[in-house]
Amino acid sequence: MRGLNLLYAFLGGALVGASAAILFAPEKGSDLRTRIKEMLKKNGIDFSDDEVEQLVKQISAQIED
């Protein structure tokens, strides 16, 4: 069970790191949101445009803190 928790922690950290890297890339906001949505869809997660917008705002707020 400990190994599984370690795997989840690693994957969570990788997701946060990738999100931060994407958010700091010099790109138009609309292109960024499209790219995030495509990445999530590729991994089997289907988000609406509004949900992607909320996700971006949430990640941005956490980075600013």
N, C-alpha and C. Protein backbone atom coordinates (compact mmCIF):
# COMPACT_ATOMS: atom_id res chain seq x y z
N MET A 1 0.83 -1.19 0.00
CA MET A 1 0.00 0.00 0.00
C MET A 1 0.87 1.26 0.00
N ARG A 2 2.01 1.22 0.66
CA ARG A 2 2.90 2.39 0.72
C ARG A 2 3.42 2.74 -0.67
N GLY A 3 3.73 1.72 -1.47
CA GLY A 3 4.21 1.96 -2.83
C GLY A 3 3.17 2.65 -3.69
N LEU A 4 1.91 2.28 -3.48
CA LEU A 4 0.82 2.90 -4.24
C LEU A 4 0.67 4.37 -3.87
N ASN A 5 0.80 4.68 -2.59
CA ASN A 5 0.72 6.08 -2.15
C ASN A 5 1.87 6.89 -2.74
N LEU A 6 3.04 6.29 -2.79
CA LEU A 6 4.19 6.96 -3.37
C LEU A 6 3.96 7.24 -4.86
N LEU A 7 3.37 6.29 -5.54
CA LEU A 7 3.05 6.48 -6.96
C LEU A 7 2.05 7.62 -7.16
N TYR A 8 1.02 7.66 -6.32
CA TYR A 8 0.03 8.74 -6.42
C TYR A 8 0.68 10.10 -6.14
N ALA A 9 1.56 10.15 -5.17
CA ALA A 9 2.25 11.41 -4.86
C ALA A 9 3.11 11.85 -6.03
N PHE A 10 3.81 10.91 -6.64
CA PHE A 10 4.65 11.23 -7.80
C PHE A 10 3.80 11.74 -8.96
N LEU A 11 2.70 11.05 -9.26
CA LEU A 11 1.84 11.46 -10.36
C LEU A 11 1.21 12.82 -10.10
N GLY A 12 0.80 13.06 -8.86
CA GLY A 12 0.24 14.36 -8.50
C GLY A 12 1.26 15.48 -8.68
N GLY A 13 2.49 15.24 -8.25
CA GLY A 13 3.55 16.22 -8.42
C GLY A 13 3.86 16.48 -9.88
N ALA A 14 3.86 15.40 -10.66
CA ALA A 14 4.11 15.55 -12.10
C ALA A 14 3.02 16.37 -12.76
N LEU A 15 1.77 16.15 -12.36
CA LEU A 15 0.64 16.91 -12.92
C LEU A 15 0.75 18.39 -12.57
N VAL A 16 1.06 18.69 -11.32
CA VAL A 16 1.20 20.09 -10.90
C VAL A 16 2.37 20.74 -11.63
N GLY A 17 3.48 20.03 -11.75
CA GLY A 17 4.65 20.57 -12.45
C GLY A 17 4.37 20.85 -13.91
N ALA A 18 3.69 19.90 -14.56
CA ALA A 18 3.36 20.08 -15.97
C ALA A 18 2.39 21.25 -16.15
N SER A 19 1.44 21.36 -15.24
CA SER A 19 0.47 22.47 -15.32
C SER A 19 1.18 23.81 -15.16
N ALA A 20 2.10 23.89 -14.22
CA ALA A 20 2.84 25.14 -14.01
C ALA A 20 3.68 25.49 -15.23
N ALA A 21 4.31 24.48 -15.81
CA ALA A 21 5.13 24.72 -17.00
C ALA A 21 4.28 25.23 -18.16
N ILE A 22 3.11 24.67 -18.32
CA ILE A 22 2.21 25.09 -19.40
C ILE A 22 1.73 26.52 -19.15
N LEU A 23 1.40 26.82 -17.89
CA LEU A 23 0.87 28.15 -17.58
C LEU A 23 1.92 29.25 -17.76
N PHE A 24 3.18 28.94 -17.56
CA PHE A 24 4.22 29.95 -17.68
C PHE A 24 4.80 30.03 -19.09
N ALA A 25 4.37 29.18 -19.98
CA ALA A 25 4.85 29.23 -21.37
C ALA A 25 4.27 30.47 -22.05
N PRO A 26 5.04 31.17 -22.85
CA PRO A 26 4.54 32.38 -23.52
C PRO A 26 3.59 31.99 -24.67
N GLU A 27 2.33 32.01 -24.37
CA GLU A 27 1.33 31.57 -25.34
C GLU A 27 0.03 32.34 -25.08
N LYS A 28 -0.77 32.53 -26.12
CA LYS A 28 -2.06 33.19 -25.95
C LYS A 28 -2.94 32.34 -25.04
N GLY A 29 -3.78 32.99 -24.26
CA GLY A 29 -4.66 32.29 -23.33
C GLY A 29 -5.59 31.29 -24.00
N SER A 30 -6.16 31.69 -25.12
CA SER A 30 -7.10 30.78 -25.80
C SER A 30 -6.37 29.54 -26.33
N ASP A 31 -5.15 29.74 -26.83
CA ASP A 31 -4.36 28.60 -27.31
C ASP A 31 -3.98 27.69 -26.15
N LEU A 32 -3.65 28.29 -25.01
CA LEU A 32 -3.29 27.52 -23.84
C LEU A 32 -4.45 26.67 -23.36
N ARG A 33 -5.63 27.25 -23.30
CA ARG A 33 -6.80 26.51 -22.83
C ARG A 33 -7.13 25.36 -23.79
N THR A 34 -7.00 25.60 -25.06
CA THR A 34 -7.24 24.54 -26.05
C THR A 34 -6.23 23.42 -25.87
N ARG A 35 -4.99 23.80 -25.63
CA ARG A 35 -3.93 22.80 -25.43
C ARG A 35 -4.18 21.97 -24.17
N ILE A 36 -4.59 22.62 -23.08
CA ILE A 36 -4.91 21.91 -21.84
C ILE A 36 -6.06 20.95 -22.07
N LYS A 37 -7.10 21.43 -22.74
CA LYS A 37 -8.27 20.58 -23.00
C LYS A 37 -7.89 19.36 -23.84
N GLU A 38 -7.06 19.56 -24.85
CA GLU A 38 -6.62 18.45 -25.70
C GLU A 38 -5.79 17.45 -24.91
N MET A 39 -4.91 17.96 -24.03
CA MET A 39 -4.09 17.08 -23.20
C MET A 39 -4.94 16.24 -22.27
N LEU A 40 -5.93 16.86 -21.65
CA LEU A 40 -6.80 16.13 -20.74
C LEU A 40 -7.63 15.10 -21.50
N LYS A 41 -8.14 15.49 -22.66
CA LYS A 41 -8.95 14.57 -23.47
C LYS A 41 -8.12 13.37 -23.92
N LYS A 42 -6.87 13.62 -24.26
CA LYS A 42 -5.96 12.55 -24.67
C LYS A 42 -5.77 11.52 -23.55
N ASN A 43 -5.82 12.00 -22.30
CA ASN A 43 -5.67 11.12 -21.15
C ASN A 43 -7.00 10.60 -20.61
N GLY A 44 -8.06 10.76 -21.37
CA GLY A 44 -9.36 10.20 -21.00
C GLY A 44 -10.20 11.06 -20.09
N ILE A 45 -9.84 12.34 -19.95
CA ILE A 45 -10.60 13.26 -19.10
C ILE A 45 -11.26 14.28 -20.00
N ASP A 46 -12.58 14.30 -20.01
CA ASP A 46 -13.31 15.21 -20.90
C ASP A 46 -13.84 16.39 -20.09
N PHE A 47 -13.32 17.57 -20.36
CA PHE A 47 -13.71 18.80 -19.68
C PHE A 47 -14.40 19.73 -20.67
N SER A 48 -15.36 20.50 -20.16
CA SER A 48 -15.96 21.54 -20.99
C SER A 48 -15.06 22.77 -20.94
N ASP A 49 -15.33 23.74 -21.79
CA ASP A 49 -14.54 24.97 -21.81
C ASP A 49 -14.60 25.69 -20.46
N ASP A 50 -15.79 25.70 -19.84
CA ASP A 50 -15.94 26.36 -18.54
C ASP A 50 -15.11 25.64 -17.46
N GLU A 51 -15.09 24.32 -17.50
CA GLU A 51 -14.33 23.56 -16.52
C GLU A 51 -12.82 23.78 -16.69
N VAL A 52 -12.37 23.89 -17.93
CA VAL A 52 -10.96 24.18 -18.18
C VAL A 52 -10.63 25.57 -17.65
N GLU A 53 -11.51 26.53 -17.86
CA GLU A 53 -11.31 27.89 -17.36
C GLU A 53 -11.19 27.89 -15.84
N GLN A 54 -12.06 27.15 -15.16
CA GLN A 54 -12.01 27.06 -13.70
C GLN A 54 -10.71 26.40 -13.24
N LEU A 55 -10.27 25.36 -13.96
CA LEU A 55 -9.03 24.68 -13.62
C LEU A 55 -7.83 25.62 -13.75
N VAL A 56 -7.80 26.40 -14.82
CA VAL A 56 -6.71 27.35 -15.04
C VAL A 56 -6.70 28.40 -13.92
N LYS A 57 -7.86 28.91 -13.55
CA LYS A 57 -7.94 29.91 -12.48
C LYS A 57 -7.47 29.32 -11.15
N GLN A 58 -7.86 28.07 -10.88
CA GLN A 58 -7.47 27.42 -9.64
C GLN A 58 -5.97 27.21 -9.58
N ILE A 59 -5.38 26.73 -10.65
CA ILE A 59 -3.93 26.51 -10.68
C ILE A 59 -3.19 27.84 -10.58
N SER A 60 -3.68 28.87 -11.27
CA SER A 60 -3.04 30.18 -11.21
C SER A 60 -3.07 30.75 -9.79
N ALA A 61 -4.19 30.57 -9.10
CA ALA A 61 -4.30 31.07 -7.73
C ALA A 61 -3.33 30.34 -6.80
N GLN A 62 -3.17 29.03 -6.99
CA GLN A 62 -2.25 28.27 -6.16
C GLN A 62 -0.80 28.68 -6.42
N ILE A 63 -0.48 28.98 -7.67
CA ILE A 63 0.88 29.37 -8.01
C ILE A 63 1.20 30.74 -7.42
N GLU A 64 0.23 31.64 -7.43
CA GLU A 64 0.45 32.99 -6.92
C GLU A 64 0.62 33.03 -5.41
N ASP A 65 0.05 32.04 -4.71
CA ASP A 65 0.17 32.01 -3.23
C ASP A 65 1.52 31.62 -2.86
